[in-house]
Amino acid sequence: MVVLNLLSTALAWVARSYDLVPLAALMVAGFAVANAVLGIRLALALMREEPPGEARP
């Protein structure tokens, strides 16, 4: 999760700091969206995971 947060920060910095050609801007935006989707999926999976040692009723 920490790596995804760092990647998100790096992608935002690149997008704001450099005047990118349209193809490069689309690639950075695509990586940013994929990073966000992956982070949300991992967070949801962690929230749904059963704690160890607890039985379901």
C-alpha atoms as a PDB file:
ATOM      1  CA  MET A   1       0.000   0.000   0.000  1.00  0.00           C
ATOM      2  CA  VAL A   2       2.873   2.349   0.799  1.00  0.00           C
ATOM      3  CA  VAL A   3       4.448   1.665  -2.591  1.00  0.00           C
ATOM      4  CA  LEU A   4       1.176   2.536  -4.323  1.00  0.00           C
ATOM      5  CA  ASN A   5       0.997   5.817  -2.396  1.00  0.00           C
ATOM      6  CA  LEU A   6       4.567   6.670  -3.375  1.00  0.00           C
ATOM      7  CA  LEU A   7       3.850   5.799  -7.002  1.00  0.00           C
ATOM      8  CA  SER A   8       0.770   8.015  -6.940  1.00  0.00           C
ATOM      9  CA  THR A   9       2.836  10.911  -5.611  1.00  0.00           C
ATOM     10  CA  ALA A  10       5.523  10.370  -8.247  1.00  0.00           C
ATOM     11  CA  LEU A  11       2.983  10.226 -11.074  1.00  0.00           C
ATOM     12  CA  ALA A  12       1.289  13.418  -9.895  1.00  0.00           C
ATOM     13  CA  TRP A  13       4.678  15.161  -9.672  1.00  0.00           C
ATOM     14  CA  VAL A  14       5.614  14.089 -13.214  1.00  0.00           C
ATOM     15  CA  ALA A  15       2.239  15.179 -14.577  1.00  0.00           C
ATOM     16  CA  ARG A  16       2.532  18.638 -13.003  1.00  0.00           C
ATOM     17  CA  SER A  17       6.258  19.280 -13.435  1.00  0.00           C
ATOM     18  CA  TYR A  18       6.821  18.433 -17.077  1.00  0.00           C
ATOM     19  CA  ASP A  19       5.196  19.626 -20.276  1.00  0.00           C
ATOM     20  CA  LEU A  20       4.506  16.201 -21.753  1.00  0.00           C
ATOM     21  CA  VAL A  21       3.555  15.347 -25.305  1.00  0.00           C
ATOM     22  CA  PRO A  22       0.016  13.961 -25.529  1.00  0.00           C
ATOM     23  CA  LEU A  23       1.098  10.318 -25.783  1.00  0.00           C
ATOM     24  CA  ALA A  24       3.308  10.585 -22.699  1.00  0.00           C
ATOM     25  CA  ALA A  25       0.550  12.421 -20.817  1.00  0.00           C
ATOM     26  CA  LEU A  26      -1.895   9.629 -21.685  1.00  0.00           C
ATOM     27  CA  MET A  27       0.588   7.018 -20.492  1.00  0.00           C
ATOM     28  CA  VAL A  28       1.118   8.819 -17.173  1.00  0.00           C
ATOM     29  CA  ALA A  29      -2.644   9.228 -16.765  1.00  0.00           C
ATOM     30  CA  GLY A  30      -3.197   5.553 -17.569  1.00  0.00           C
ATOM     31  CA  PHE A  31      -0.634   4.474 -14.984  1.00  0.00           C
ATOM     32  CA  ALA A  32      -2.226   6.819 -12.435  1.00  0.00           C
ATOM     33  CA  VAL A  33      -5.708   5.391 -13.020  1.00  0.00           C
ATOM     34  CA  ALA A  34      -4.422   1.808 -12.899  1.00  0.00           C
ATOM     35  CA  ASN A  35      -2.565   2.627  -9.680  1.00  0.00           C
ATOM     36  CA  ALA A  36      -5.735   4.048  -8.116  1.00  0.00           C
ATOM     37  CA  VAL A  37      -7.849   1.055  -9.165  1.00  0.00           C
ATOM     38  CA  LEU A  38      -5.263  -1.393  -7.821  1.00  0.00           C
ATOM     39  CA  GLY A  39      -5.068   0.509  -4.527  1.00  0.00           C
ATOM     40  CA  ILE A  40      -8.839   0.507  -4.109  1.00  0.00           C
ATOM     41  CA  ARG A  41      -9.056  -3.227  -4.882  1.00  0.00           C
ATOM     42  CA  LEU A  42      -6.337  -4.014  -2.341  1.00  0.00           C
ATOM     43  CA  ALA A  43      -7.975  -1.832   0.310  1.00  0.00           C
ATOM     44  CA  LEU A  44     -11.359  -3.500  -0.235  1.00  0.00           C
ATOM     45  CA  ALA A  45      -9.765  -6.947  -0.063  1.00  0.00           C
ATOM     46  CA  LEU A  46      -8.109  -6.043   3.233  1.00  0.00           C
ATOM     47  CA  MET A  47     -11.391  -4.760   4.679  1.00  0.00           C
ATOM     48  CA  ARG A  48     -13.273  -7.926   3.668  1.00  0.00           C
ATOM     49  CA  GLU A  49     -10.660 -10.346   4.972  1.00  0.00           C
ATOM     50  CA  GLU A  50     -11.675 -12.319   8.063  1.00  0.00           C
ATOM     51  CA  PRO A  51      -9.467 -11.727  11.114  1.00  0.00           C
ATOM     52  CA  PRO A  52      -7.439 -14.804  12.054  1.00  0.00           C
ATOM     53  CA  GLY A  53      -8.895 -16.939  14.833  1.00  0.00           C
ATOM     54  CA  GLU A  54     -12.493 -15.755  14.490  1.00  0.00           C
ATOM     55  CA  ALA A  55     -15.104 -18.215  13.275  1.00  0.00           C
ATOM     56  CA  ARG A  56     -18.088 -17.185  11.208  1.00  0.00           C
ATOM     57  CA  PRO A  57     -21.451 -17.629  12.945  1.00  0.00           C
END
